[in-house]
Amino acid sequence: MTPALTYFLPSLKFSKGKIILFVWLFFSLALVNAQQVKDSLLKEITTIQKQQSFDVKDTVYIDLLADLGSELRFYNTDSMLLLSKQ
């Protein structure tokens, strides 16, 4: 352990297994959160599309599409193409 870590965390022993477990938990929680954000945006977009006064030029609708696009940009580029045509 480095001297800085020894100073701040003198009694903790870090093993490779604990570090790998921590990293895995961190990234799995981040992925779950990303999926929830995507699902929430899709739900809001669907709700707006079902309204009788729906207009494709509605700024709220366009902003939601842009937000969804930024969430999908690294995961599914085919979906981004379909989304951009809306």
Protein backbone atom coordinates (compact mmCIF):
# COMPACT_ATOMS: atom_id res chain seq x y z
CA MET A 1 0.00 0.00 0.00
CA THR A 2 1.24 3.48 -0.79
CA PRO A 3 2.25 5.76 2.11
CA ALA A 4 -0.70 8.10 1.44
CA LEU A 5 -3.22 5.24 1.68
CA THR A 6 -1.48 3.91 4.78
CA TYR A 7 -1.82 7.31 6.42
CA PHE A 8 -5.54 7.71 5.66
CA LEU A 9 -6.57 4.06 5.89
CA PRO A 10 -4.09 2.40 8.22
CA SER A 11 -6.17 -0.58 9.28
CA LEU A 12 -7.74 -1.57 5.94
CA LYS A 13 -6.24 -4.35 3.92
CA PHE A 14 -6.96 -4.16 0.19
CA SER A 15 -6.90 -7.37 -1.78
CA LYS A 16 -7.36 -7.78 -5.50
CA GLY A 17 -10.66 -9.56 -4.89
CA LYS A 18 -12.08 -6.67 -2.85
CA ILE A 19 -11.00 -4.12 -5.44
CA ILE A 20 -12.49 -6.15 -8.30
CA LEU A 21 -15.74 -6.56 -6.35
CA PHE A 22 -15.93 -2.82 -5.67
CA VAL A 23 -15.30 -1.92 -9.33
CA TRP A 24 -17.87 -4.48 -10.51
CA LEU A 25 -20.51 -3.14 -8.10
CA PHE A 26 -19.80 0.45 -9.12
CA PHE A 27 -20.22 -0.23 -12.84
CA SER A 28 -23.25 -2.50 -12.43
CA LEU A 29 -25.06 0.21 -10.45
CA ALA A 30 -24.15 2.77 -13.11
CA LEU A 31 -25.62 0.53 -15.83
CA VAL A 32 -28.86 0.03 -13.89
CA ASN A 33 -29.21 3.78 -13.45
CA ALA A 34 -28.59 4.39 -17.17
CA GLN A 35 -31.34 1.91 -18.07
CA GLN A 36 -33.76 3.64 -15.71
CA VAL A 37 -33.02 7.03 -17.28
CA LYS A 38 -33.61 5.62 -20.77
CA ASP A 39 -36.87 3.99 -19.72
CA SER A 40 -38.06 7.18 -18.06
CA LEU A 41 -37.35 9.25 -21.18
CA LEU A 42 -39.13 6.72 -23.40
CA LYS A 43 -42.17 6.81 -21.12
CA GLU A 44 -42.33 10.61 -21.22
CA ILE A 45 -41.98 10.65 -25.02
CA THR A 46 -44.76 8.08 -25.41
CA THR A 47 -47.01 10.09 -23.09
CA ILE A 48 -46.49 13.24 -25.15
CA GLN A 49 -47.07 11.38 -28.44
CA LYS A 50 -50.43 10.07 -27.19
CA GLN A 51 -51.78 13.55 -26.42
CA GLN A 52 -54.40 14.87 -28.84
CA SER A 53 -52.58 18.18 -29.12
CA PHE A 54 -49.29 16.44 -30.05
CA ASP A 55 -47.07 18.40 -32.43
CA VAL A 56 -43.65 17.22 -33.62
CA LYS A 57 -42.42 20.82 -33.28
CA ASP A 58 -43.17 20.86 -29.54
CA THR A 59 -39.96 21.94 -27.79
CA VAL A 60 -40.51 19.64 -24.80
CA TYR A 61 -40.85 16.68 -27.17
CA ILE A 62 -37.72 17.71 -29.09
CA ASP A 63 -35.75 18.16 -25.87
CA LEU A 64 -36.78 14.70 -24.68
CA LEU A 65 -35.69 13.19 -28.00
CA ALA A 66 -32.34 14.98 -27.70
CA ASP A 67 -31.91 13.69 -24.14
CA LEU A 68 -32.74 10.16 -25.24
CA GLY A 69 -30.29 10.47 -28.11
CA SER A 70 -27.52 11.49 -25.74
CA GLU A 71 -28.30 8.47 -23.55
CA LEU A 72 -28.18 6.08 -26.53
CA ARG A 73 -25.19 7.56 -28.36
CA PHE A 74 -22.66 4.96 -27.22
CA TYR A 75 -24.92 1.93 -26.90
CA ASN A 76 -27.09 1.52 -29.97
CA THR A 77 -26.22 3.60 -33.02
CA ASP A 78 -29.03 2.04 -35.10
CA SER A 79 -31.58 3.34 -32.62
CA MET A 80 -29.96 6.76 -32.86
CA LEU A 81 -30.56 6.77 -36.63
CA LEU A 82 -34.24 5.91 -36.18
CA LEU A 83 -34.58 8.46 -33.41
CA SER A 84 -32.99 11.21 -35.52
CA LYS A 85 -35.64 10.69 -38.21
CA GLN A 86 -38.41 11.53 -35.76
